[in-house]
Amino acid sequence: VHGGKAKKPNQRREKKINTKKKKKMSLLFTEYCPEYAPFFGFCGAAVAMSFACFGAAYGTAKAGVGVSALGVLHPGLVMKSLIPVIMAGVLGIYGLIVAVIISSKVTDGYSL
């Protein structure tokens, strides 16, 4: 009021909130917990899922070739040879589960 702008009560409250946020942010991002740490966490989840799916696809392809060759040579054993194809599909589901677990662990205090 005297020679300057009068501060509204809301502006004072906002300033206090901003300083609290800055203190909290400075505690979150330290030397051991940089701000780019969640990026690497989510990259790990993406790599786990992609490699598991590529492995499942490769396993399914190799097992499919084996099933087709066995179907030509011994038609009665085709049903027994489907187990590797099913296990390759389970590998892809396992990769999805691991990726979900990794991504759920990435929080505000995530560190390298």
N, C-alpha and C. Protein backbone atom coordinates (compact mmCIF):
# COMPACT_ATOMS: atom_id res chain seq x y z
N VAL A 1 0.83 -1.17 0.00
CA VAL A 1 0.00 0.00 0.00
C VAL A 1 0.88 1.24 0.00
N HIS A 2 1.93 1.24 0.76
CA HIS A 2 2.81 2.40 0.84
C HIS A 2 3.91 2.30 -0.20
N GLY A 3 3.72 2.93 -1.34
CA GLY A 3 4.76 3.01 -2.36
C GLY A 3 4.90 1.75 -3.20
N GLY A 4 4.12 0.75 -3.01
CA GLY A 4 4.23 -0.47 -3.81
C GLY A 4 2.89 -1.16 -3.93
N LYS A 5 2.92 -2.26 -4.59
CA LYS A 5 1.69 -3.01 -4.76
C LYS A 5 1.37 -3.78 -3.47
N ALA A 6 0.13 -3.80 -3.14
CA ALA A 6 -0.29 -4.57 -1.97
C ALA A 6 -0.43 -6.03 -2.37
N LYS A 7 0.11 -6.93 -1.55
CA LYS A 7 0.01 -8.35 -1.84
C LYS A 7 -1.30 -8.88 -1.30
N LYS A 8 -1.92 -9.68 -2.11
CA LYS A 8 -3.17 -10.30 -1.69
C LYS A 8 -2.84 -11.51 -0.82
N PRO A 9 -3.75 -11.89 0.04
CA PRO A 9 -3.50 -13.08 0.87
C PRO A 9 -3.27 -14.34 0.06
N ASN A 10 -3.91 -14.46 -1.10
CA ASN A 10 -3.73 -15.64 -1.94
C ASN A 10 -2.32 -15.73 -2.49
N GLN A 11 -1.72 -14.58 -2.81
CA GLN A 11 -0.37 -14.57 -3.34
C GLN A 11 0.62 -15.06 -2.29
N ARG A 12 0.42 -14.68 -1.04
CA ARG A 12 1.30 -15.16 0.03
C ARG A 12 1.18 -16.67 0.18
N ARG A 13 -0.03 -17.18 0.10
CA ARG A 13 -0.25 -18.62 0.23
C ARG A 13 0.40 -19.37 -0.93
N GLU A 14 0.29 -18.83 -2.14
CA GLU A 14 0.90 -19.46 -3.30
C GLU A 14 2.41 -19.50 -3.15
N LYS A 15 2.98 -18.44 -2.61
CA LYS A 15 4.43 -18.41 -2.43
C LYS A 15 4.87 -19.49 -1.44
N LYS A 16 4.11 -19.68 -0.38
CA LYS A 16 4.45 -20.71 0.60
C LYS A 16 4.34 -22.10 -0.04
N ILE A 17 3.32 -22.31 -0.83
CA ILE A 17 3.14 -23.60 -1.49
C ILE A 17 4.29 -23.85 -2.46
N ASN A 18 4.70 -22.82 -3.22
CA ASN A 18 5.78 -22.99 -4.17
C ASN A 18 7.09 -23.33 -3.47
N THR A 19 7.36 -22.73 -2.32
CA THR A 19 8.59 -23.05 -1.61
C THR A 19 8.53 -24.47 -1.06
N LYS A 20 7.35 -24.93 -0.65
CA LYS A 20 7.22 -26.30 -0.19
C LYS A 20 7.47 -27.28 -1.34
N LYS A 21 6.94 -26.94 -2.52
CA LYS A 21 7.16 -27.80 -3.68
C LYS A 21 8.64 -27.85 -4.05
N LYS A 22 9.32 -26.71 -3.99
CA LYS A 22 10.74 -26.68 -4.33
C LYS A 22 11.54 -27.52 -3.35
N LYS A 23 11.19 -27.44 -2.05
CA LYS A 23 11.91 -28.25 -1.07
C LYS A 23 11.66 -29.73 -1.32
N LYS A 24 10.42 -30.08 -1.64
CA LYS A 24 10.09 -31.48 -1.91
C LYS A 24 10.82 -31.95 -3.16
N MET A 25 10.85 -31.15 -4.20
CA MET A 25 11.53 -31.52 -5.43
C MET A 25 13.03 -31.66 -5.21
N SER A 26 13.60 -30.81 -4.37
CA SER A 26 15.03 -30.92 -4.11
C SER A 26 15.33 -32.18 -3.33
N LEU A 27 14.39 -32.67 -2.53
CA LEU A 27 14.59 -33.93 -1.82
C LEU A 27 14.43 -35.12 -2.75
N LEU A 28 13.53 -35.00 -3.73
CA LEU A 28 13.30 -36.10 -4.66
C LEU A 28 14.48 -36.30 -5.59
N PHE A 29 14.98 -35.24 -6.16
CA PHE A 29 16.04 -35.33 -7.15
C PHE A 29 17.37 -35.00 -6.51
N THR A 30 18.04 -36.02 -6.05
CA THR A 30 19.34 -35.85 -5.42
C THR A 30 20.39 -36.48 -6.33
N GLU A 31 21.56 -36.64 -5.78
CA GLU A 31 22.65 -37.24 -6.53
C GLU A 31 22.34 -38.69 -6.91
N TYR A 32 21.66 -39.40 -6.02
CA TYR A 32 21.34 -40.80 -6.27
C TYR A 32 19.98 -40.98 -6.93
N CYS A 33 19.22 -39.93 -7.03
CA CYS A 33 17.89 -40.00 -7.62
C CYS A 33 17.71 -38.83 -8.60
N PRO A 34 18.36 -38.87 -9.76
CA PRO A 34 18.21 -37.77 -10.71
C PRO A 34 16.83 -37.78 -11.36
N GLU A 35 16.52 -36.69 -12.01
CA GLU A 35 15.18 -36.55 -12.58
C GLU A 35 14.96 -37.43 -13.80
N TYR A 36 16.03 -37.97 -14.38
CA TYR A 36 15.87 -38.84 -15.54
C TYR A 36 15.83 -40.32 -15.15
N ALA A 37 15.82 -40.64 -13.88
CA ALA A 37 15.80 -42.04 -13.43
C ALA A 37 14.55 -42.80 -13.88
N PRO A 38 13.35 -42.21 -13.79
CA PRO A 38 12.17 -42.95 -14.27
C PRO A 38 12.23 -43.30 -15.76
N PHE A 39 12.93 -42.49 -16.54
CA PHE A 39 13.08 -42.80 -17.97
C PHE A 39 13.75 -44.16 -18.15
N PHE A 40 14.82 -44.39 -17.39
CA PHE A 40 15.53 -45.66 -17.51
C PHE A 40 14.70 -46.80 -16.93
N GLY A 41 13.89 -46.51 -15.93
CA GLY A 41 13.00 -47.54 -15.40
C GLY A 41 11.99 -48.00 -16.42
N PHE A 42 11.37 -47.05 -17.10
CA PHE A 42 10.40 -47.42 -18.13
C PHE A 42 11.07 -48.02 -19.35
N CYS A 43 12.31 -47.60 -19.64
CA CYS A 43 13.05 -48.24 -20.73
C CYS A 43 13.32 -49.71 -20.41
N GLY A 44 13.62 -50.00 -19.14
CA GLY A 44 13.82 -51.38 -18.72
C GLY A 44 12.57 -52.21 -18.90
N ALA A 45 11.43 -51.63 -18.56
CA ALA A 45 10.16 -52.34 -18.75
C ALA A 45 9.90 -52.60 -20.23
N ALA A 46 10.19 -51.61 -21.07
CA ALA A 46 9.97 -51.77 -22.51
C ALA A 46 10.91 -52.81 -23.10
N VAL A 47 12.16 -52.82 -22.66
CA VAL A 47 13.12 -53.80 -23.17
C VAL A 47 12.74 -55.20 -22.71
N ALA A 48 12.30 -55.33 -21.45
CA ALA A 48 11.89 -56.65 -20.96
C ALA A 48 10.72 -57.19 -21.77
N MET A 49 9.77 -56.35 -22.06
CA MET A 49 8.61 -56.80 -22.81
C MET A 49 8.97 -57.11 -24.27
N SER A 50 9.76 -56.26 -24.88
CA SER A 50 10.08 -56.47 -26.30
C SER A 50 10.95 -57.70 -26.49
N PHE A 51 11.98 -57.90 -25.64
CA PHE A 51 12.82 -59.09 -25.79
C PHE A 51 12.04 -60.37 -25.51
N ALA A 52 11.15 -60.32 -24.53
CA ALA A 52 10.34 -61.51 -24.25
C ALA A 52 9.42 -61.83 -25.42
N CYS A 53 8.86 -60.82 -26.03
CA CYS A 53 7.97 -61.06 -27.18
C CYS A 53 8.75 -61.53 -28.41
N PHE A 54 9.94 -60.96 -28.63
CA PHE A 54 10.77 -61.45 -29.74
C PHE A 54 11.19 -62.90 -29.50
N GLY A 55 11.54 -63.23 -28.26
CA GLY A 55 11.91 -64.60 -27.94
C GLY A 55 10.74 -65.56 -28.11
N ALA A 56 9.55 -65.11 -27.71
CA ALA A 56 8.36 -65.95 -27.89
C ALA A 56 8.07 -66.16 -29.37
N ALA A 57 8.22 -65.12 -30.16
CA ALA A 57 7.98 -65.25 -31.60
C ALA A 57 9.01 -66.19 -32.25
N TYR A 58 10.26 -66.04 -31.85
CA TYR A 58 11.30 -66.91 -32.40
C TYR A 58 11.07 -68.36 -31.97
N GLY A 59 10.72 -68.57 -30.70
CA GLY A 59 10.44 -69.91 -30.22
C GLY A 59 9.24 -70.53 -30.91
N THR A 60 8.21 -69.74 -31.13
CA THR A 60 7.03 -70.25 -31.84
C THR A 60 7.38 -70.62 -33.27
N ALA A 61 8.19 -69.82 -33.92
CA ALA A 61 8.57 -70.11 -35.31
C ALA A 61 9.39 -71.39 -35.39
N LYS A 62 10.38 -71.53 -34.50
CA LYS A 62 11.22 -72.73 -34.52
C LYS A 62 10.41 -73.98 -34.17
N ALA A 63 9.51 -73.85 -33.16
CA ALA A 63 8.68 -74.99 -32.79
C ALA A 63 7.67 -75.33 -33.89
N GLY A 64 7.18 -74.30 -34.57
CA GLY A 64 6.25 -74.53 -35.69
C GLY A 64 6.90 -75.30 -36.82
N VAL A 65 8.15 -74.98 -37.11
CA VAL A 65 8.89 -75.72 -38.14
C VAL A 65 9.06 -77.18 -37.70
N GLY A 66 9.36 -77.36 -36.41
CA GLY A 66 9.50 -78.73 -35.90
C GLY A 66 8.21 -79.51 -35.94
N VAL A 67 7.09 -78.85 -35.60
CA VAL A 67 5.79 -79.52 -35.63
C VAL A 67 5.42 -79.91 -37.06
N SER A 68 5.68 -79.02 -38.00
CA SER A 68 5.35 -79.34 -39.39
C SER A 68 6.22 -80.47 -39.93
N ALA A 69 7.49 -80.50 -39.56
CA ALA A 69 8.37 -81.59 -40.00
C ALA A 69 7.96 -82.91 -39.36
N LEU A 70 7.57 -82.84 -38.08
CA LEU A 70 7.14 -84.05 -37.40
C LEU A 70 5.80 -84.55 -37.95
N GLY A 71 4.94 -83.62 -38.36
CA GLY A 71 3.67 -84.00 -38.96
C GLY A 71 3.83 -84.76 -40.26
N VAL A 72 4.90 -84.46 -40.98
CA VAL A 72 5.17 -85.17 -42.22
C VAL A 72 5.76 -86.56 -41.93
N LEU A 73 6.69 -86.62 -40.99
CA LEU A 73 7.38 -87.87 -40.71
C LEU A 73 6.58 -88.81 -39.79
N HIS A 74 6.01 -88.29 -38.70
CA HIS A 74 5.27 -89.09 -37.73
C HIS A 74 3.97 -88.37 -37.36
N PRO A 75 2.92 -88.56 -38.12
CA PRO A 75 1.67 -87.83 -37.89
C PRO A 75 1.03 -88.09 -36.53
N GLY A 76 1.30 -89.20 -35.89
CA GLY A 76 0.70 -89.51 -34.60
C GLY A 76 1.29 -88.72 -33.44
N LEU A 77 2.45 -88.10 -33.62
CA LEU A 77 3.12 -87.37 -32.53
C LEU A 77 2.92 -85.86 -32.59
N VAL A 78 2.04 -85.40 -33.45
CA VAL A 78 1.85 -83.95 -33.62
C VAL A 78 1.32 -83.30 -32.35
N MET A 79 0.39 -83.95 -31.67
CA MET A 79 -0.20 -83.35 -30.47
C MET A 79 0.84 -83.22 -29.34
N LYS A 80 1.76 -84.16 -29.24
CA LYS A 80 2.81 -84.07 -28.22
C LYS A 80 3.80 -82.96 -28.54
N SER A 81 3.98 -82.67 -29.80
CA SER A 81 4.96 -81.66 -30.17
C SER A 81 4.42 -80.24 -30.10
N LEU A 82 3.19 -80.05 -29.71
CA LEU A 82 2.64 -78.70 -29.55
C LEU A 82 3.07 -78.03 -28.24
N ILE A 83 3.62 -78.80 -27.32
CA ILE A 83 4.04 -78.24 -26.02
C ILE A 83 5.08 -77.13 -26.18
N PRO A 84 6.11 -77.26 -27.02
CA PRO A 84 7.05 -76.13 -27.18
C PRO A 84 6.39 -74.84 -27.70
N VAL A 85 5.39 -74.98 -28.56
CA VAL A 85 4.68 -73.79 -29.06
C VAL A 85 3.95 -73.11 -27.92
N ILE A 86 3.31 -73.88 -27.06
CA ILE A 86 2.60 -73.31 -25.91
C ILE A 86 3.58 -72.66 -24.94
N MET A 87 4.72 -73.29 -24.69
CA MET A 87 5.72 -72.72 -23.78
C MET A 87 6.30 -71.42 -24.34
N ALA A 88 6.43 -71.34 -25.65
CA ALA A 88 6.92 -70.08 -26.24
C ALA A 88 5.91 -68.96 -26.03
N GLY A 89 4.63 -69.27 -26.11
CA GLY A 89 3.60 -68.27 -25.83
C GLY A 89 3.61 -67.85 -24.37
N VAL A 90 3.88 -68.80 -23.48
CA VAL A 90 3.98 -68.49 -22.04
C VAL A 90 5.14 -67.54 -21.79
N LEU A 91 6.21 -67.69 -22.55
CA LEU A 91 7.35 -66.78 -22.40
C LEU A 91 6.95 -65.34 -22.70
N GLY A 92 6.13 -65.11 -23.71
CA GLY A 92 5.65 -63.76 -24.02
C GLY A 92 4.78 -63.20 -22.91
N ILE A 93 3.93 -64.04 -22.32
CA ILE A 93 3.08 -63.59 -21.20
C ILE A 93 3.94 -63.27 -20.00
N TYR A 94 4.98 -64.07 -19.75
CA TYR A 94 5.90 -63.80 -18.65
C TYR A 94 6.59 -62.45 -18.82
N GLY A 95 7.01 -62.14 -20.03
CA GLY A 95 7.63 -60.83 -20.30
C GLY A 95 6.67 -59.69 -20.03
N LEU A 96 5.40 -59.87 -20.38
CA LEU A 96 4.40 -58.85 -20.10
C LEU A 96 4.23 -58.65 -18.60
N ILE A 97 4.20 -59.73 -17.84
CA ILE A 97 4.05 -59.62 -16.38
C ILE A 97 5.25 -58.92 -15.77
N VAL A 98 6.46 -59.25 -16.21
CA VAL A 98 7.66 -58.60 -15.69
C VAL A 98 7.66 -57.11 -16.02
N ALA A 99 7.23 -56.75 -17.22
CA ALA A 99 7.17 -55.33 -17.61
C ALA A 99 6.18 -54.57 -16.74
N VAL A 100 5.04 -55.18 -16.43
CA VAL A 100 4.05 -54.52 -15.57
C VAL A 100 4.60 -54.35 -14.16
N ILE A 101 5.30 -55.35 -13.64
CA ILE A 101 5.88 -55.25 -12.30
C ILE A 101 6.93 -54.16 -12.26
N ILE A 102 7.79 -54.09 -13.27
CA ILE A 102 8.83 -53.06 -13.30
C ILE A 102 8.20 -51.67 -13.38
N SER A 103 7.22 -51.50 -14.25
CA SER A 103 6.62 -50.17 -14.41
C SER A 103 5.81 -49.75 -13.18
N SER A 104 5.30 -50.71 -12.40
CA SER A 104 4.58 -50.34 -11.19
C SER A 104 5.52 -49.92 -10.08
N LYS A 105 6.78 -50.31 -10.15
CA LYS A 105 7.76 -49.94 -9.12
C LYS A 105 8.34 -48.54 -9.35
N VAL A 106 8.13 -47.97 -10.53
CA VAL A 106 8.65 -46.64 -10.82
C VAL A 106 7.75 -45.61 -10.14
N THR A 107 8.28 -44.93 -9.12
CA THR A 107 7.53 -43.94 -8.36
C THR A 107 8.28 -42.63 -8.33
N ASP A 108 7.81 -41.70 -7.52
CA ASP A 108 8.47 -40.39 -7.43
C ASP A 108 9.88 -40.48 -6.88
N GLY A 109 10.11 -41.35 -5.93
CA GLY A 109 11.43 -41.48 -5.33
C GLY A 109 12.30 -42.53 -5.98
N TYR A 110 12.06 -42.81 -7.25
CA TYR A 110 12.78 -43.84 -7.98
C TYR A 110 14.23 -43.44 -8.16
N SER A 111 15.14 -44.33 -7.83
CA SER A 111 16.56 -44.00 -7.95
C SER A 111 17.24 -44.96 -8.90
N LEU A 112 18.43 -44.56 -9.33
CA LEU A 112 19.22 -45.42 -10.21
C LEU A 112 19.88 -46.44 -9.35
